[in-house]
N, C-alpha and C. Protein backbone atom coordinates (compact mmCIF):
# COMPACT_ATOMS: atom_id res chain seq x y z
N MET A 1 14.01 56.93 -44.92
CA MET A 1 13.70 56.39 -43.62
C MET A 1 14.81 55.48 -43.15
N ASN A 2 14.82 55.35 -41.88
CA ASN A 2 15.84 54.52 -41.27
C ASN A 2 15.38 53.07 -41.28
N ARG A 3 16.05 52.23 -42.06
CA ARG A 3 15.64 50.84 -42.20
C ARG A 3 16.07 49.99 -41.00
N GLN A 4 17.02 50.41 -40.23
CA GLN A 4 17.48 49.60 -39.12
C GLN A 4 16.45 49.55 -38.00
N CYS A 5 15.67 50.59 -37.83
CA CYS A 5 14.67 50.60 -36.76
C CYS A 5 13.44 49.82 -37.15
N ARG A 6 13.23 49.67 -38.45
CA ARG A 6 12.05 48.93 -38.87
C ARG A 6 12.37 47.47 -39.02
N SER A 7 11.44 46.67 -38.53
CA SER A 7 11.60 45.23 -38.68
C SER A 7 10.23 44.63 -38.95
N LEU A 8 10.11 43.38 -38.73
CA LEU A 8 8.87 42.67 -38.99
C LEU A 8 7.74 43.22 -38.14
N TRP A 9 8.04 43.65 -36.90
CA TRP A 9 7.00 44.11 -35.98
C TRP A 9 6.77 45.63 -36.03
N GLY A 10 7.45 46.34 -36.81
CA GLY A 10 7.25 47.77 -36.89
C GLY A 10 8.16 48.53 -35.95
N ARG A 11 7.77 49.79 -35.62
CA ARG A 11 8.61 50.66 -34.80
C ARG A 11 8.73 50.18 -33.36
N CYS A 12 7.73 49.45 -32.81
CA CYS A 12 7.75 49.03 -31.41
C CYS A 12 8.35 47.63 -31.27
N SER A 13 9.19 47.26 -32.14
CA SER A 13 9.77 45.91 -32.08
C SER A 13 10.79 45.83 -30.95
N PRO A 14 11.00 44.64 -30.41
CA PRO A 14 11.98 44.47 -29.35
C PRO A 14 13.38 44.73 -29.87
N PRO A 15 14.31 45.11 -28.99
CA PRO A 15 15.65 45.47 -29.43
C PRO A 15 16.44 44.26 -29.97
N PHE A 16 15.99 43.05 -29.71
CA PHE A 16 16.72 41.89 -30.23
C PHE A 16 15.83 41.17 -31.24
N SER A 17 16.43 40.48 -32.11
CA SER A 17 15.65 39.77 -33.11
C SER A 17 15.43 38.33 -32.66
N LEU A 18 14.44 37.71 -33.24
CA LEU A 18 14.10 36.33 -32.90
C LEU A 18 15.21 35.39 -33.32
N LYS A 19 15.85 35.70 -34.38
CA LYS A 19 16.94 34.85 -34.87
C LYS A 19 18.10 34.83 -33.88
N LYS A 20 18.43 35.97 -33.32
CA LYS A 20 19.51 36.03 -32.35
C LYS A 20 19.13 35.29 -31.07
N ALA A 21 17.85 35.36 -30.67
CA ALA A 21 17.41 34.69 -29.45
C ALA A 21 17.52 33.17 -29.60
N LEU A 22 17.23 32.65 -30.78
CA LEU A 22 17.34 31.22 -31.00
C LEU A 22 18.79 30.76 -31.07
N VAL A 23 19.63 31.59 -31.59
CA VAL A 23 21.04 31.24 -31.70
C VAL A 23 21.71 31.25 -30.33
N ASN A 24 21.30 32.14 -29.43
CA ASN A 24 21.93 32.28 -28.13
C ASN A 24 21.43 31.27 -27.10
N ARG A 25 20.69 30.26 -27.50
CA ARG A 25 20.16 29.27 -26.57
C ARG A 25 21.08 28.07 -26.44
N LYS A 26 22.36 28.27 -26.57
CA LYS A 26 23.31 27.17 -26.47
C LYS A 26 23.28 26.58 -25.06
N GLY A 27 23.19 25.26 -24.95
CA GLY A 27 23.22 24.58 -23.66
C GLY A 27 21.87 24.47 -22.98
N SER A 28 20.82 25.01 -23.55
CA SER A 28 19.52 24.95 -22.89
C SER A 28 18.96 23.53 -22.91
N ALA A 29 19.38 22.72 -23.83
CA ALA A 29 18.92 21.32 -23.87
C ALA A 29 19.39 20.56 -22.65
N TYR A 30 20.54 20.90 -22.12
CA TYR A 30 21.04 20.25 -20.90
C TYR A 30 20.14 20.57 -19.71
N TYR A 31 19.74 21.83 -19.61
CA TYR A 31 18.86 22.22 -18.51
C TYR A 31 17.51 21.51 -18.61
N GLU A 32 16.98 21.42 -19.82
CA GLU A 32 15.71 20.73 -20.02
C GLU A 32 15.84 19.26 -19.65
N LEU A 33 16.94 18.65 -20.02
CA LEU A 33 17.17 17.24 -19.69
C LEU A 33 17.27 17.03 -18.18
N ILE A 34 17.94 17.91 -17.49
CA ILE A 34 18.08 17.81 -16.04
C ILE A 34 16.71 17.95 -15.37
N ILE A 35 15.92 18.91 -15.81
CA ILE A 35 14.58 19.12 -15.22
C ILE A 35 13.69 17.92 -15.49
N LYS A 36 13.70 17.39 -16.72
CA LYS A 36 12.88 16.22 -17.04
C LYS A 36 13.31 15.00 -16.23
N THR A 37 14.61 14.85 -16.04
CA THR A 37 15.11 13.72 -15.25
C THR A 37 14.66 13.83 -13.80
N LEU A 38 14.72 15.03 -13.22
CA LEU A 38 14.26 15.22 -11.85
C LEU A 38 12.77 14.93 -11.71
N VAL A 39 11.98 15.34 -12.68
CA VAL A 39 10.55 15.07 -12.64
C VAL A 39 10.27 13.58 -12.71
N VAL A 40 10.96 12.87 -13.59
CA VAL A 40 10.77 11.43 -13.72
C VAL A 40 11.19 10.70 -12.46
N ILE A 41 12.30 11.09 -11.87
CA ILE A 41 12.76 10.45 -10.63
C ILE A 41 11.77 10.70 -9.50
N THR A 42 11.23 11.91 -9.41
CA THR A 42 10.24 12.22 -8.38
C THR A 42 8.97 11.39 -8.56
N LEU A 43 8.52 11.26 -9.79
CA LEU A 43 7.34 10.44 -10.06
C LEU A 43 7.58 8.98 -9.72
N MET A 44 8.76 8.46 -10.04
CA MET A 44 9.08 7.06 -9.73
C MET A 44 9.14 6.85 -8.22
N ALA A 45 9.70 7.78 -7.49
CA ALA A 45 9.76 7.66 -6.03
C ALA A 45 8.36 7.68 -5.42
N THR A 46 7.47 8.49 -5.97
CA THR A 46 6.09 8.54 -5.49
C THR A 46 5.38 7.22 -5.74
N VAL A 47 5.55 6.67 -6.93
CA VAL A 47 4.93 5.39 -7.26
C VAL A 47 5.48 4.28 -6.36
N MET A 48 6.77 4.29 -6.11
CA MET A 48 7.38 3.27 -5.25
C MET A 48 6.85 3.38 -3.82
N SER A 49 6.64 4.58 -3.34
CA SER A 49 6.12 4.74 -1.98
C SER A 49 4.67 4.27 -1.90
N PHE A 50 3.89 4.45 -2.95
CA PHE A 50 2.52 3.95 -2.95
C PHE A 50 2.48 2.43 -3.05
N LEU A 51 3.49 1.82 -3.63
CA LEU A 51 3.52 0.36 -3.71
C LEU A 51 3.63 -0.28 -2.34
N SER A 52 4.20 0.42 -1.37
CA SER A 52 4.31 -0.13 -0.03
C SER A 52 2.93 -0.34 0.60
N ILE A 53 1.95 0.47 0.24
CA ILE A 53 0.59 0.29 0.74
C ILE A 53 0.02 -1.02 0.24
N PHE A 54 0.19 -1.31 -1.04
CA PHE A 54 -0.34 -2.54 -1.61
C PHE A 54 0.40 -3.76 -1.10
N THR A 55 1.69 -3.65 -0.89
CA THR A 55 2.47 -4.75 -0.34
C THR A 55 2.01 -5.08 1.08
N THR A 56 1.73 -4.07 1.87
CA THR A 56 1.23 -4.28 3.23
C THR A 56 -0.13 -4.96 3.20
N TYR A 57 -1.01 -4.53 2.30
CA TYR A 57 -2.33 -5.15 2.19
C TYR A 57 -2.21 -6.61 1.77
N LEU A 58 -1.33 -6.90 0.83
CA LEU A 58 -1.14 -8.29 0.40
C LEU A 58 -0.59 -9.15 1.53
N SER A 59 0.31 -8.61 2.33
CA SER A 59 0.85 -9.34 3.48
C SER A 59 -0.25 -9.62 4.51
N LEU A 60 -1.10 -8.63 4.76
CA LEU A 60 -2.20 -8.81 5.68
C LEU A 60 -3.17 -9.88 5.18
N ASN A 61 -3.43 -9.87 3.89
CA ASN A 61 -4.30 -10.86 3.27
C ASN A 61 -3.70 -12.26 3.39
N GLN A 62 -2.40 -12.38 3.19
CA GLN A 62 -1.73 -13.68 3.29
C GLN A 62 -1.75 -14.21 4.72
N VAL A 63 -1.56 -13.34 5.71
CA VAL A 63 -1.62 -13.76 7.11
C VAL A 63 -3.01 -14.30 7.43
N CYS A 64 -4.03 -13.59 6.97
CA CYS A 64 -5.41 -14.01 7.22
C CYS A 64 -5.70 -15.35 6.55
N ARG A 65 -5.24 -15.53 5.33
CA ARG A 65 -5.45 -16.81 4.63
C ARG A 65 -4.81 -17.98 5.37
N ARG A 66 -3.60 -17.76 5.85
CA ARG A 66 -2.90 -18.84 6.56
C ARG A 66 -3.63 -19.22 7.85
N VAL A 67 -4.11 -18.22 8.58
CA VAL A 67 -4.85 -18.50 9.82
C VAL A 67 -6.14 -19.24 9.51
N VAL A 68 -6.85 -18.83 8.46
CA VAL A 68 -8.08 -19.51 8.06
C VAL A 68 -7.79 -20.95 7.70
N ARG A 69 -6.71 -21.17 6.99
CA ARG A 69 -6.37 -22.55 6.58
C ARG A 69 -6.05 -23.43 7.78
N VAL A 70 -5.38 -22.89 8.78
CA VAL A 70 -5.08 -23.67 9.98
C VAL A 70 -6.37 -24.04 10.70
N ILE A 71 -7.30 -23.11 10.81
CA ILE A 71 -8.59 -23.40 11.46
C ILE A 71 -9.36 -24.43 10.66
N GLU A 72 -9.33 -24.33 9.33
CA GLU A 72 -10.03 -25.31 8.50
C GLU A 72 -9.48 -26.72 8.73
N LEU A 73 -8.18 -26.85 8.77
CA LEU A 73 -7.57 -28.18 8.93
C LEU A 73 -7.77 -28.75 10.33
N GLU A 74 -7.66 -27.92 11.35
CA GLU A 74 -7.81 -28.40 12.72
C GLU A 74 -9.26 -28.52 13.15
N GLY A 75 -10.13 -27.73 12.56
CA GLY A 75 -11.54 -27.77 12.93
C GLY A 75 -11.83 -27.11 14.26
N GLN A 76 -10.92 -26.35 14.77
CA GLN A 76 -11.13 -25.65 16.04
C GLN A 76 -10.20 -24.45 16.15
N VAL A 77 -10.58 -23.56 17.04
CA VAL A 77 -9.74 -22.41 17.32
C VAL A 77 -8.92 -22.79 18.55
N SER A 78 -7.69 -23.21 18.31
CA SER A 78 -6.85 -23.72 19.39
C SER A 78 -5.63 -22.83 19.57
N ASP A 79 -4.76 -23.25 20.47
CA ASP A 79 -3.52 -22.51 20.70
C ASP A 79 -2.62 -22.53 19.46
N ASN A 80 -2.72 -23.58 18.66
CA ASN A 80 -1.92 -23.67 17.44
C ASN A 80 -2.27 -22.54 16.47
N VAL A 81 -3.54 -22.17 16.41
CA VAL A 81 -3.98 -21.08 15.54
C VAL A 81 -3.33 -19.77 15.98
N TYR A 82 -3.33 -19.51 17.28
CA TYR A 82 -2.73 -18.28 17.78
C TYR A 82 -1.21 -18.30 17.66
N ASP A 83 -0.59 -19.50 17.77
CA ASP A 83 0.85 -19.60 17.55
C ASP A 83 1.22 -19.23 16.12
N VAL A 84 0.44 -19.75 15.16
CA VAL A 84 0.68 -19.42 13.75
C VAL A 84 0.48 -17.92 13.53
N PHE A 85 -0.56 -17.36 14.12
CA PHE A 85 -0.84 -15.93 13.97
C PHE A 85 0.31 -15.08 14.51
N TYR A 86 0.80 -15.40 15.71
CA TYR A 86 1.90 -14.61 16.29
C TYR A 86 3.20 -14.79 15.52
N ARG A 87 3.44 -15.98 15.01
CA ARG A 87 4.65 -16.21 14.21
C ARG A 87 4.59 -15.40 12.91
N LEU A 88 3.43 -15.38 12.28
CA LEU A 88 3.28 -14.60 11.05
C LEU A 88 3.38 -13.10 11.32
N LYS A 89 2.91 -12.65 12.47
CA LYS A 89 3.06 -11.24 12.84
C LYS A 89 4.54 -10.87 12.94
N GLU A 90 5.33 -11.75 13.52
CA GLU A 90 6.76 -11.47 13.64
C GLU A 90 7.45 -11.47 12.28
N GLN A 91 7.06 -12.41 11.42
CA GLN A 91 7.71 -12.51 10.10
C GLN A 91 7.39 -11.32 9.22
N THR A 92 6.15 -10.86 9.26
CA THR A 92 5.76 -9.76 8.37
C THR A 92 6.02 -8.38 8.97
N GLY A 93 6.14 -8.30 10.28
CA GLY A 93 6.34 -7.00 10.92
C GLY A 93 5.04 -6.24 11.11
N LEU A 94 3.91 -6.86 10.80
CA LEU A 94 2.61 -6.23 10.99
C LEU A 94 2.07 -6.59 12.37
N SER A 95 1.17 -5.79 12.88
CA SER A 95 0.53 -6.11 14.15
C SER A 95 -0.98 -5.90 14.03
N PRO A 96 -1.64 -6.78 13.24
CA PRO A 96 -3.08 -6.62 13.07
C PRO A 96 -3.86 -7.16 14.27
N GLU A 97 -5.11 -6.74 14.35
CA GLU A 97 -6.03 -7.29 15.35
C GLU A 97 -6.85 -8.37 14.67
N MET A 98 -6.95 -9.55 15.31
CA MET A 98 -7.66 -10.67 14.71
C MET A 98 -8.92 -10.96 15.52
N SER A 99 -10.02 -11.22 14.81
CA SER A 99 -11.24 -11.67 15.46
C SER A 99 -11.86 -12.76 14.60
N ILE A 100 -12.45 -13.72 15.29
CA ILE A 100 -13.10 -14.85 14.61
C ILE A 100 -14.59 -14.76 14.91
N GLY A 101 -15.39 -14.69 13.87
CA GLY A 101 -16.83 -14.51 14.06
C GLY A 101 -17.64 -15.34 13.09
N ASP A 102 -18.95 -15.15 13.15
CA ASP A 102 -19.90 -15.88 12.30
C ASP A 102 -19.66 -17.38 12.38
N VAL A 103 -19.55 -17.89 13.59
CA VAL A 103 -19.22 -19.30 13.77
C VAL A 103 -20.17 -19.93 14.77
N ASN A 104 -20.54 -21.18 14.50
CA ASN A 104 -21.34 -21.98 15.42
C ASN A 104 -20.46 -23.10 15.94
N TYR A 105 -20.06 -23.00 17.18
CA TYR A 105 -19.22 -24.04 17.77
C TYR A 105 -20.10 -25.23 18.17
N CYS A 106 -19.61 -26.43 17.85
CA CYS A 106 -20.33 -27.61 18.32
C CYS A 106 -19.91 -27.95 19.75
N ASP A 107 -18.75 -27.48 20.17
CA ASP A 107 -18.26 -27.63 21.53
C ASP A 107 -17.72 -26.25 21.94
N GLU A 108 -18.53 -25.52 22.70
CA GLU A 108 -18.17 -24.15 23.08
C GLU A 108 -16.89 -24.09 23.91
N GLN A 109 -16.71 -25.08 24.78
CA GLN A 109 -15.57 -25.04 25.69
C GLN A 109 -14.25 -25.16 24.93
N ASN A 110 -14.17 -26.07 23.97
CA ASN A 110 -12.94 -26.29 23.19
C ASN A 110 -12.94 -25.55 21.87
N GLN A 111 -13.98 -24.80 21.60
CA GLN A 111 -14.15 -24.03 20.37
C GLN A 111 -13.96 -24.90 19.13
N LYS A 112 -14.69 -26.01 19.09
CA LYS A 112 -14.63 -26.93 17.95
C LYS A 112 -15.71 -26.55 16.94
N ILE A 113 -15.33 -26.63 15.67
CA ILE A 113 -16.24 -26.29 14.57
C ILE A 113 -16.51 -27.58 13.80
N GLN A 114 -17.77 -27.92 13.65
CA GLN A 114 -18.14 -29.16 12.98
C GLN A 114 -17.87 -29.10 11.49
N LEU A 115 -17.75 -30.26 10.87
CA LEU A 115 -17.49 -30.40 9.44
C LEU A 115 -18.49 -29.58 8.62
N ARG A 116 -17.99 -28.80 7.69
CA ARG A 116 -18.74 -27.97 6.74
C ARG A 116 -19.45 -26.79 7.38
N ASP A 117 -19.15 -26.49 8.63
CA ASP A 117 -19.66 -25.25 9.23
C ASP A 117 -18.68 -24.12 8.88
N THR A 118 -19.23 -22.95 8.61
CA THR A 118 -18.38 -21.83 8.17
C THR A 118 -18.04 -20.91 9.34
N PHE A 119 -16.99 -20.15 9.13
CA PHE A 119 -16.52 -19.16 10.09
C PHE A 119 -15.85 -18.04 9.30
N THR A 120 -15.68 -16.90 9.94
CA THR A 120 -15.05 -15.75 9.29
C THR A 120 -13.94 -15.23 10.18
N VAL A 121 -12.76 -15.05 9.58
CA VAL A 121 -11.63 -14.44 10.28
C VAL A 121 -11.49 -13.02 9.73
N LYS A 122 -11.46 -12.06 10.65
CA LYS A 122 -11.34 -10.66 10.26
C LYS A 122 -10.08 -10.09 10.89
N MET A 123 -9.27 -9.42 10.08
CA MET A 123 -8.07 -8.76 10.57
C MET A 123 -8.11 -7.29 10.20
N LYS A 124 -7.78 -6.45 11.19
CA LYS A 124 -7.74 -5.00 10.98
C LYS A 124 -6.33 -4.51 11.26
N TYR A 125 -5.90 -3.54 10.43
CA TYR A 125 -4.57 -2.98 10.60
C TYR A 125 -4.61 -1.53 10.13
N ASN A 126 -3.93 -0.65 10.85
CA ASN A 126 -3.81 0.76 10.45
C ASN A 126 -2.39 1.00 9.96
N TYR A 127 -2.27 1.30 8.67
CA TYR A 127 -0.96 1.54 8.04
C TYR A 127 -0.67 3.03 8.06
N ALA A 128 0.49 3.39 8.57
CA ALA A 128 0.90 4.80 8.61
C ALA A 128 1.76 5.11 7.38
N PHE A 129 1.17 5.83 6.44
CA PHE A 129 1.87 6.21 5.21
C PHE A 129 2.54 7.56 5.44
N THR A 130 3.87 7.58 5.36
CA THR A 130 4.64 8.80 5.60
C THR A 130 4.68 9.65 4.34
N VAL A 131 4.16 10.86 4.46
CA VAL A 131 4.13 11.80 3.33
C VAL A 131 5.42 12.59 3.28
N PHE A 132 5.84 13.09 4.45
CA PHE A 132 6.99 14.00 4.49
C PHE A 132 7.68 13.84 5.83
N ARG A 133 9.01 13.86 5.84
CA ARG A 133 9.78 13.77 7.07
C ARG A 133 10.62 15.03 7.26
N PRO A 134 10.09 16.00 7.98
CA PRO A 134 10.92 17.18 8.28
C PRO A 134 11.99 16.82 9.31
N SER A 135 13.09 17.52 9.27
CA SER A 135 14.22 17.18 10.14
C SER A 135 13.99 17.58 11.60
N SER A 136 13.19 18.58 11.85
CA SER A 136 13.06 19.09 13.21
C SER A 136 11.75 18.71 13.90
N SER A 137 10.85 18.04 13.21
CA SER A 137 9.57 17.69 13.82
C SER A 137 9.18 16.28 13.40
N PRO A 138 8.16 15.72 14.02
CA PRO A 138 7.75 14.36 13.65
C PRO A 138 7.24 14.30 12.21
N PRO A 139 7.29 13.10 11.60
CA PRO A 139 6.88 12.99 10.20
C PRO A 139 5.38 13.23 10.01
N VAL A 140 5.04 13.71 8.84
CA VAL A 140 3.64 13.91 8.47
C VAL A 140 3.16 12.59 7.88
N GLN A 141 2.14 12.02 8.51
CA GLN A 141 1.67 10.69 8.11
C GLN A 141 0.17 10.71 7.86
N ILE A 142 -0.25 9.79 7.00
CA ILE A 142 -1.66 9.54 6.76
C ILE A 142 -1.93 8.12 7.22
N ILE A 143 -2.92 7.94 8.10
CA ILE A 143 -3.27 6.62 8.59
C ILE A 143 -4.29 6.01 7.64
N ILE A 144 -3.93 4.84 7.08
CA ILE A 144 -4.80 4.16 6.14
C ILE A 144 -5.32 2.89 6.81
N PRO A 145 -6.63 2.82 7.10
CA PRO A 145 -7.17 1.61 7.72
C PRO A 145 -7.32 0.48 6.68
N MET A 146 -6.90 -0.71 7.09
CA MET A 146 -7.02 -1.88 6.22
C MET A 146 -7.79 -2.96 6.95
N GLU A 147 -8.65 -3.65 6.23
CA GLU A 147 -9.43 -4.73 6.83
C GLU A 147 -9.55 -5.87 5.83
N VAL A 148 -9.31 -7.09 6.32
CA VAL A 148 -9.42 -8.28 5.49
C VAL A 148 -10.38 -9.24 6.18
N ARG A 149 -11.35 -9.76 5.43
CA ARG A 149 -12.28 -10.76 5.93
C ARG A 149 -12.23 -11.96 5.01
N ILE A 150 -11.98 -13.11 5.58
CA ILE A 150 -11.95 -14.34 4.79
C ILE A 150 -12.82 -15.37 5.50
N THR A 151 -13.69 -16.01 4.73
CA THR A 151 -14.58 -17.03 5.27
C THR A 151 -13.99 -18.40 4.95
N GLY A 152 -14.01 -19.27 5.93
CA GLY A 152 -13.52 -20.63 5.76
C GLY A 152 -14.56 -21.65 6.17
N MET A 153 -14.26 -22.92 5.91
CA MET A 153 -15.17 -24.01 6.24
C MET A 153 -14.37 -25.13 6.88
N SER A 154 -14.86 -25.62 8.00
CA SER A 154 -14.15 -26.67 8.74
C SER A 154 -14.08 -27.94 7.90
N GLU A 155 -12.93 -28.59 7.99
CA GLU A 155 -12.72 -29.85 7.26
C GLU A 155 -12.58 -31.04 8.21
N LYS A 156 -12.99 -30.86 9.44
CA LYS A 156 -12.84 -31.93 10.43
C LYS A 156 -14.19 -32.30 11.01
N TYR A 157 -14.43 -33.60 11.09
CA TYR A 157 -15.66 -34.10 11.70
C TYR A 157 -15.39 -34.42 13.17
N TRP A 158 -16.24 -33.88 14.03
CA TRP A 158 -16.11 -34.13 15.46
C TRP A 158 -17.24 -35.05 15.88
N LYS A 159 -16.88 -36.18 16.45
CA LYS A 159 -17.86 -37.11 16.99
C LYS A 159 -18.07 -36.69 18.45
N LEU A 160 -19.23 -36.16 18.74
CA LEU A 160 -19.50 -35.62 20.07
C LEU A 160 -20.26 -36.62 20.91
N LEU A 161 -19.92 -36.66 22.17
CA LEU A 161 -20.62 -37.51 23.12
C LEU A 161 -21.81 -36.72 23.67
N GLU A 162 -22.98 -37.32 23.59
CA GLU A 162 -24.16 -36.59 24.08
C GLU A 162 -24.69 -37.20 25.32
């Protein structure tokens, strides 16, 4: 019988041997390294883009805290509160909507809040997360709604004339 045609797999064996296939894989480690590097870089870029969502939320939270603190110290919703809000909007680059609720004013006209009365500042913002930017059309975006509510307590006593 012809021994050259017979191998480990019998008569229907492939024309090349496994030993030759392993020997001829010179340089394949470089291709594997390049593919693994591309995958890792893509994953890192994805994680970094998701971090921008959390950074925006933290900035929105910080703006809300600062506004609440100004109202607590002044004991009223005055022009100074809105000045701080607009200045923080410019610094952060965000444009949230602010509303002040759950408050009992002791002086409705001047919007004064009595000592130890609580109030809630709510800020809403829609963050546009860009998924893909094609060159010939507008970017594909996902709108992520963000909302922050912080409750504060007035630290100023108002002596009212009755």
